[in-house]
Amino acid sequence: MTKALYAIALAILSVTLLLLWVTPPAQADEEPAEPPAPAGAIRMAARDAFACPGMHAEWLDKKTVQCLKQKPE
């Protein structure tokens, strides 16, 4: 009797795992909302955050930056 219960449990587990393996995840069909940022934009954002922590960096030329307070949203 116990061997039969083990066999049934194994069969149910096997079918469940097979169904999980065959079905695709729900997120697979979604496209990203925005294109990935280029490497230059990421580098500039890191530079701005370093130059003006907690503020907006306005670059006047290649070496001069002006830090502006951000308006609260």
PDB file of N, CA and C in Angstrom:
ATOM      1  N   MET A   1       0.825  -1.193   0.000  1.00  0.00           N
ATOM      2  CA  MET A   1       0.000   0.000   0.000  1.00  0.00           C
ATOM      3  C   MET A   1       0.876   1.266   0.000  1.00  0.00           C
ATOM      4  N   THR A   2       1.923   1.280   0.818  1.00  0.00           N
ATOM      5  CA  THR A   2       2.784   2.455   0.847  1.00  0.00           C
ATOM      6  C   THR A   2       3.553   2.624  -0.457  1.00  0.00           C
ATOM      7  N   LYS A   3       3.927   1.513  -1.089  1.00  0.00           N
ATOM      8  CA  LYS A   3       4.631   1.626  -2.370  1.00  0.00           C
ATOM      9  C   LYS A   3       3.732   2.267  -3.415  1.00  0.00           C
ATOM     10  N   ALA A   4       2.450   1.957  -3.365  1.00  0.00           N
ATOM     11  CA  ALA A   4       1.506   2.550  -4.309  1.00  0.00           C
ATOM     12  C   ALA A   4       1.365   4.053  -4.060  1.00  0.00           C
ATOM     13  N   LEU A   5       1.328   4.456  -2.790  1.00  0.00           N
ATOM     14  CA  LEU A   5       1.224   5.880  -2.472  1.00  0.00           C
ATOM     15  C   LEU A   5       2.484   6.631  -2.902  1.00  0.00           C
ATOM     16  N   TYR A   6       3.656   6.008  -2.695  1.00  0.00           N
ATOM     17  CA  TYR A   6       4.903   6.619  -3.138  1.00  0.00           C
ATOM     18  C   TYR A   6       4.928   6.750  -4.666  1.00  0.00           C
ATOM     19  N   ALA A   7       4.430   5.756  -5.357  1.00  0.00           N
ATOM     20  CA  ALA A   7       4.399   5.787  -6.819  1.00  0.00           C
ATOM     21  C   ALA A   7       3.460   6.885  -7.313  1.00  0.00           C
ATOM     22  N   ILE A   8       2.310   7.034  -6.662  1.00  0.00           N
ATOM     23  CA  ILE A   8       1.354   8.080  -7.053  1.00  0.00           C
ATOM     24  C   ILE A   8       1.942   9.460  -6.773  1.00  0.00           C
ATOM     25  N   ALA A   9       2.568   9.630  -5.601  1.00  0.00           N
ATOM     26  CA  ALA A   9       3.177  10.915  -5.258  1.00  0.00           C
ATOM     27  C   ALA A   9       4.309  11.250  -6.237  1.00  0.00           C
ATOM     28  N   LEU A  10       5.099  10.265  -6.596  1.00  0.00           N
ATOM     29  CA  LEU A  10       6.183  10.485  -7.554  1.00  0.00           C
ATOM     30  C   LEU A  10       5.633  10.849  -8.929  1.00  0.00           C
ATOM     31  N   ALA A  11       4.554  10.221  -9.335  1.00  0.00           N
ATOM     32  CA  ALA A  11       3.939  10.527 -10.628  1.00  0.00           C
ATOM     33  C   ALA A  11       3.388  11.958 -10.635  1.00  0.00           C
ATOM     34  N   ILE A  12       2.731  12.354  -9.553  1.00  0.00           N
ATOM     35  CA  ILE A  12       2.168  13.712  -9.476  1.00  0.00           C
ATOM     36  C   ILE A  12       3.299  14.742  -9.479  1.00  0.00           C
ATOM     37  N   LEU A  13       4.338  14.479  -8.722  1.00  0.00           N
ATOM     38  CA  LEU A  13       5.484  15.378  -8.687  1.00  0.00           C
ATOM     39  C   LEU A  13       6.157  15.475 -10.057  1.00  0.00           C
ATOM     40  N   SER A  14       6.285  14.357 -10.735  1.00  0.00           N
ATOM     41  CA  SER A  14       6.906  14.345 -12.056  1.00  0.00           C
ATOM     42  C   SER A  14       6.096  15.151 -13.066  1.00  0.00           C
ATOM     43  N   VAL A  15       4.783  14.986 -13.050  1.00  0.00           N
ATOM     44  CA  VAL A  15       3.920  15.727 -13.977  1.00  0.00           C
ATOM     45  C   VAL A  15       3.976  17.220 -13.662  1.00  0.00           C
ATOM     46  N   THR A  16       3.971  17.575 -12.387  1.00  0.00           N
ATOM     47  CA  THR A  16       4.037  18.982 -12.000  1.00  0.00           C
ATOM     48  C   THR A  16       5.355  19.607 -12.448  1.00  0.00           C
ATOM     49  N   LEU A  17       6.464  18.936 -12.212  1.00  0.00           N
ATOM     50  CA  LEU A  17       7.753  19.457 -12.646  1.00  0.00           C
ATOM     51  C   LEU A  17       7.849  19.554 -14.166  1.00  0.00           C
ATOM     52  N   LEU A  18       7.281  18.595 -14.870  1.00  0.00           N
ATOM     53  CA  LEU A  18       7.271  18.639 -16.334  1.00  0.00           C
ATOM     54  C   LEU A  18       6.476  19.840 -16.829  1.00  0.00           C
ATOM     55  N   LEU A  19       5.317  20.108 -16.217  1.00  0.00           N
ATOM     56  CA  LEU A  19       4.513  21.262 -16.621  1.00  0.00           C
ATOM     57  C   LEU A  19       5.234  22.570 -16.317  1.00  0.00           C
ATOM     58  N   LEU A  20       5.906  22.651 -15.185  1.00  0.00           N
ATOM     59  CA  LEU A  20       6.661  23.863 -14.861  1.00  0.00           C
ATOM     60  C   LEU A  20       7.825  24.068 -15.821  1.00  0.00           C
ATOM     61  N   TRP A  21       8.435  22.987 -16.258  1.00  0.00           N
ATOM     62  CA  TRP A  21       9.564  23.081 -17.173  1.00  0.00           C
ATOM     63  C   TRP A  21       9.118  23.487 -18.575  1.00  0.00           C
ATOM     64  N   VAL A  22       7.948  23.016 -19.003  1.00  0.00           N
ATOM     65  CA  VAL A  22       7.469  23.266 -20.363  1.00  0.00           C
ATOM     66  C   VAL A  22       6.880  24.669 -20.511  1.00  0.00           C
ATOM     67  N   THR A  23       6.186  25.164 -19.504  1.00  0.00           N
ATOM     68  CA  THR A  23       5.534  26.467 -19.632  1.00  0.00           C
ATOM     69  C   THR A  23       6.548  27.587 -19.474  1.00  0.00           C
ATOM     70  N   PRO A  24       6.478  28.614 -20.322  1.00  0.00           N
ATOM     71  CA  PRO A  24       7.426  29.726 -20.220  1.00  0.00           C
ATOM     72  C   PRO A  24       7.050  30.646 -19.058  1.00  0.00           C
ATOM     73  N   PRO A  25       7.994  31.401 -18.540  1.00  0.00           N
ATOM     74  CA  PRO A  25       7.671  32.347 -17.478  1.00  0.00           C
ATOM     75  C   PRO A  25       6.801  33.486 -18.010  1.00  0.00           C
ATOM     76  N   ALA A  26       6.060  34.128 -17.138  1.00  0.00           N
ATOM     77  CA  ALA A  26       5.137  35.182 -17.554  1.00  0.00           C
ATOM     78  C   ALA A  26       5.876  36.406 -18.090  1.00  0.00           C
ATOM     79  N   GLN A  27       7.091  36.680 -17.624  1.00  0.00           N
ATOM     80  CA  GLN A  27       7.808  37.870 -18.041  1.00  0.00           C
ATOM     81  C   GLN A  27       8.486  37.711 -19.399  1.00  0.00           C
ATOM     82  N   ALA A  28       8.515  36.540 -19.960  1.00  0.00           N
ATOM     83  CA  ALA A  28       9.284  36.305 -21.183  1.00  0.00           C
ATOM     84  C   ALA A  28       8.719  37.085 -22.374  1.00  0.00           C
ATOM     85  N   ASP A  29       7.410  37.344 -22.417  1.00  0.00           N
ATOM     86  CA  ASP A  29       6.814  37.995 -23.577  1.00  0.00           C
ATOM     87  C   ASP A  29       6.937  39.512 -23.531  1.00  0.00           C
ATOM     88  N   GLU A  30       7.227  40.072 -22.380  1.00  0.00           N
ATOM     89  CA  GLU A  30       7.264  41.524 -22.256  1.00  0.00           C
ATOM     90  C   GLU A  30       8.559  42.089 -22.829  1.00  0.00           C
ATOM     91  N   GLU A  31       8.422  43.189 -23.543  1.00  0.00           N
ATOM     92  CA  GLU A  31       9.575  43.901 -24.070  1.00  0.00           C
ATOM     93  C   GLU A  31       9.989  44.958 -23.054  1.00  0.00           C
ATOM     94  N   PRO A  32      11.242  45.312 -23.007  1.00  0.00           N
ATOM     95  CA  PRO A  32      11.649  46.372 -22.082  1.00  0.00           C
ATOM     96  C   PRO A  32      10.977  47.690 -22.463  1.00  0.00           C
ATOM     97  N   ALA A  33      10.571  48.456 -21.473  1.00  0.00           N
ATOM     98  CA  ALA A  33       9.845  49.707 -21.719  1.00  0.00           C
ATOM     99  C   ALA A  33      10.738  50.750 -22.380  1.00  0.00           C
ATOM    100  N   GLU A  34      12.000  50.764 -22.029  1.00  0.00           N
ATOM    101  CA  GLU A  34      12.916  51.732 -22.619  1.00  0.00           C
ATOM    102  C   GLU A  34      14.193  51.019 -23.031  1.00  0.00           C
ATOM    103  N   PRO A  35      14.857  51.513 -24.052  1.00  0.00           N
ATOM    104  CA  PRO A  35      16.086  50.851 -24.489  1.00  0.00           C
ATOM    105  C   PRO A  35      17.176  50.968 -23.426  1.00  0.00           C
ATOM    106  N   PRO A  36      18.118  50.056 -23.415  1.00  0.00           N
ATOM    107  CA  PRO A  36      19.192  50.142 -22.425  1.00  0.00           C
ATOM    108  C   PRO A  36      20.026  51.400 -22.636  1.00  0.00           C
ATOM    109  N   ALA A  37      20.504  51.943 -21.538  1.00  0.00           N
ATOM    110  CA  ALA A  37      21.290  53.173 -21.595  1.00  0.00           C
ATOM    111  C   ALA A  37      22.675  52.875 -22.154  1.00  0.00           C
ATOM    112  N   PRO A  38      23.183  53.753 -23.010  1.00  0.00           N
ATOM    113  CA  PRO A  38      24.542  53.539 -23.521  1.00  0.00           C
ATOM    114  C   PRO A  38      25.565  53.722 -22.400  1.00  0.00           C
ATOM    115  N   ALA A  39      26.751  53.179 -22.610  1.00  0.00           N
ATOM    116  CA  ALA A  39      27.791  53.221 -21.577  1.00  0.00           C
ATOM    117  C   ALA A  39      28.174  54.660 -21.232  1.00  0.00           C
ATOM    118  N   GLY A  40      28.145  55.548 -22.201  1.00  0.00           N
ATOM    119  CA  GLY A  40      28.493  56.946 -21.949  1.00  0.00           C
ATOM    120  C   GLY A  40      27.517  57.624 -21.000  1.00  0.00           C
ATOM    121  N   ALA A  41      26.233  57.317 -21.127  1.00  0.00           N
ATOM    122  CA  ALA A  41      25.227  57.911 -20.254  1.00  0.00           C
ATOM    123  C   ALA A  41      25.391  57.423 -18.823  1.00  0.00           C
ATOM    124  N   ILE A  42      25.737  56.164 -18.663  1.00  0.00           N
ATOM    125  CA  ILE A  42      25.952  55.619 -17.322  1.00  0.00           C
ATOM    126  C   ILE A  42      27.182  56.264 -16.693  1.00  0.00           C
ATOM    127  N   ARG A  43      28.229  56.424 -17.472  1.00  0.00           N
ATOM    128  CA  ARG A  43      29.455  57.045 -16.969  1.00  0.00           C
ATOM    129  C   ARG A  43      29.196  58.503 -16.573  1.00  0.00           C
ATOM    130  N   MET A  44      28.405  59.232 -17.384  1.00  0.00           N
ATOM    131  CA  MET A  44      28.096  60.625 -17.073  1.00  0.00           C
ATOM    132  C   MET A  44      27.233  60.738 -15.822  1.00  0.00           C
ATOM    133  N   ALA A  45      26.288  59.823 -15.626  1.00  0.00           N
ATOM    134  CA  ALA A  45      25.456  59.850 -14.426  1.00  0.00           C
ATOM    135  C   ALA A  45      26.293  59.591 -13.184  1.00  0.00           C
ATOM    136  N   ALA A  46      27.253  58.679 -13.278  1.00  0.00           N
ATOM    137  CA  ALA A  46      28.130  58.408 -12.136  1.00  0.00           C
ATOM    138  C   ALA A  46      29.012  59.630 -11.860  1.00  0.00           C
ATOM    139  N   ARG A  47      29.496  60.279 -12.904  1.00  0.00           N
ATOM    140  CA  ARG A  47      30.325  61.482 -12.742  1.00  0.00           C
ATOM    141  C   ARG A  47      29.518  62.600 -12.086  1.00  0.00           C
ATOM    142  N   ASP A  48      28.256  62.770 -12.512  1.00  0.00           N
ATOM    143  CA  ASP A  48      27.405  63.807 -11.933  1.00  0.00           C
ATOM    144  C   ASP A  48      27.131  63.531 -10.452  1.00  0.00           C
ATOM    145  N   ALA A  49      26.865  62.277 -10.119  1.00  0.00           N
ATOM    146  CA  ALA A  49      26.584  61.913  -8.730  1.00  0.00           C
ATOM    147  C   ALA A  49      27.815  62.125  -7.858  1.00  0.00           C
ATOM    148  N   PHE A  50      28.990  61.897  -8.398  1.00  0.00           N
ATOM    149  CA  PHE A  50      30.223  62.099  -7.643  1.00  0.00           C
ATOM    150  C   PHE A  50      30.515  63.594  -7.462  1.00  0.00           C
ATOM    151  N   ALA A  51      30.288  64.385  -8.516  1.00  0.00           N
ATOM    152  CA  ALA A  51      30.610  65.810  -8.462  1.00  0.00           C
ATOM    153  C   ALA A  51      29.646  66.575  -7.558  1.00  0.00           C
ATOM    154  N   CYS A  52      28.372  66.214  -7.594  1.00  0.00           N
ATOM    155  CA  CYS A  52      27.349  66.927  -6.815  1.00  0.00           C
ATOM    156  C   CYS A  52      26.434  65.918  -6.124  1.00  0.00           C
ATOM    157  N   PRO A  53      26.852  65.359  -4.999  1.00  0.00           N
ATOM    158  CA  PRO A  53      25.997  64.369  -4.342  1.00  0.00           C
ATOM    159  C   PRO A  53      24.699  65.008  -3.832  1.00  0.00           C
ATOM    160  N   GLY A  54      23.580  64.420  -4.207  1.00  0.00           N
ATOM    161  CA  GLY A  54      22.272  64.908  -3.781  1.00  0.00           C
ATOM    162  C   GLY A  54      21.791  66.126  -4.539  1.00  0.00           C
ATOM    163  N   MET A  55      22.484  66.537  -5.567  1.00  0.00           N
ATOM    164  CA  MET A  55      22.113  67.720  -6.348  1.00  0.00           C
ATOM    165  C   MET A  55      22.186  67.391  -7.837  1.00  0.00           C
ATOM    166  N   HIS A  56      21.727  68.345  -8.638  1.00  0.00           N
ATOM    167  CA  HIS A  56      21.804  68.210 -10.090  1.00  0.00           C
ATOM    168  C   HIS A  56      23.078  68.882 -10.587  1.00  0.00           C
ATOM    169  N   ALA A  57      23.855  68.194 -11.391  1.00  0.00           N
ATOM    170  CA  ALA A  57      25.109  68.739 -11.914  1.00  0.00           C
ATOM    171  C   ALA A  57      24.867  69.350 -13.287  1.00  0.00           C
ATOM    172  N   GLU A  58      25.149  70.615 -13.411  1.00  0.00           N
ATOM    173  CA  GLU A  58      25.053  71.322 -14.691  1.00  0.00           C
ATOM    174  C   GLU A  58      26.475  71.626 -15.139  1.00  0.00           C
ATOM    175  N   TRP A  59      26.914  70.987 -16.227  1.00  0.00           N
ATOM    176  CA  TRP A  59      28.292  71.138 -16.695  1.00  0.00           C
ATOM    177  C   TRP A  59      28.379  72.352 -17.610  1.00  0.00           C
ATOM    178  N   LEU A  60      29.237  73.306 -17.224  1.00  0.00           N
ATOM    179  CA  LEU A  60      29.421  74.526 -18.005  1.00  0.00           C
ATOM    180  C   LEU A  60      30.435  74.311 -19.121  1.00  0.00           C
ATOM    181  N   ASP A  61      31.464  73.543 -18.860  1.00  0.00           N
ATOM    182  CA  ASP A  61      32.407  73.099 -19.880  1.00  0.00           C
ATOM    183  C   ASP A  61      32.955  71.749 -19.407  1.00  0.00           C
ATOM    184  N   LYS A  62      34.037  71.277 -20.026  1.00  0.00           N
ATOM    185  CA  LYS A  62      34.522  69.937 -19.706  1.00  0.00           C
ATOM    186  C   LYS A  62      35.035  69.795 -18.273  1.00  0.00           C
ATOM    187  N   LYS A  63      35.471  70.898 -17.657  1.00  0.00           N
ATOM    188  CA  LYS A  63      36.062  70.809 -16.323  1.00  0.00           C
ATOM    189  C   LYS A  63      35.316  71.595 -15.256  1.00  0.00           C
ATOM    190  N   THR A  64      34.296  72.360 -15.631  1.00  0.00           N
ATOM    191  CA  THR A  64      33.586  73.209 -14.677  1.00  0.00           C
ATOM    192  C   THR A  64      32.158  72.705 -14.514  1.00  0.00           C
ATOM    193  N   VAL A  65      31.767  72.525 -13.262  1.00  0.00           N
ATOM    194  CA  VAL A  65      30.423  72.043 -12.971  1.00  0.00           C
ATOM    195  C   VAL A  65      29.748  72.992 -11.997  1.00  0.00           C
ATOM    196  N   GLN A  66      28.438  73.167 -12.183  1.00  0.00           N
ATOM    197  CA  GLN A  66      27.635  73.969 -11.270  1.00  0.00           C
ATOM    198  C   GLN A  66      26.597  73.062 -10.642  1.00  0.00           C
ATOM    199  N   CYS A  67      26.586  72.998  -9.317  1.00  0.00           N
ATOM    200  CA  CYS A  67      25.658  72.126  -8.601  1.00  0.00           C
ATOM    201  C   CYS A  67      24.391  72.904  -8.278  1.00  0.00           C
ATOM    202  N   LEU A  68      23.249  72.374  -8.699  1.00  0.00           N
ATOM    203  CA  LEU A  68      21.953  73.028  -8.474  1.00  0.00           C
ATOM    204  C   LEU A  68      21.103  72.133  -7.581  1.00  0.00           C
ATOM    205  N   LYS A  69      20.387  72.775  -6.653  1.00  0.00           N
ATOM    206  CA  LYS A  69      19.490  72.022  -5.786  1.00  0.00           C
ATOM    207  C   LYS A  69      18.321  71.495  -6.622  1.00  0.00           C
ATOM    208  N   GLN A  70      17.901  70.291  -6.315  1.00  0.00           N
ATOM    209  CA  GLN A  70      16.772  69.687  -7.023  1.00  0.00           C
ATOM    210  C   GLN A  70      15.481  70.111  -6.350  1.00  0.00           C
ATOM    211  N   LYS A  71      14.452  70.355  -7.156  1.00  0.00           N
ATOM    212  CA  LYS A  71      13.141  70.706  -6.605  1.00  0.00           C
ATOM    213  C   LYS A  71      12.515  69.446  -6.008  1.00  0.00           C
ATOM    214  N   PRO A  72      11.902  69.544  -4.845  1.00  0.00           N
ATOM    215  CA  PRO A  72      11.242  68.360  -4.281  1.00  0.00           C
ATOM    216  C   PRO A  72      10.033  67.979  -5.134  1.00  0.00           C
ATOM    217  N   GLU A  73       9.859  66.699  -5.324  1.00  0.00           N
ATOM    218  CA  GLU A  73       8.749  66.222  -6.180  1.00  0.00           C
ATOM    219  C   GLU A  73       7.557  65.859  -5.357  1.00  0.00           C
TER     220      GLU A  73
END
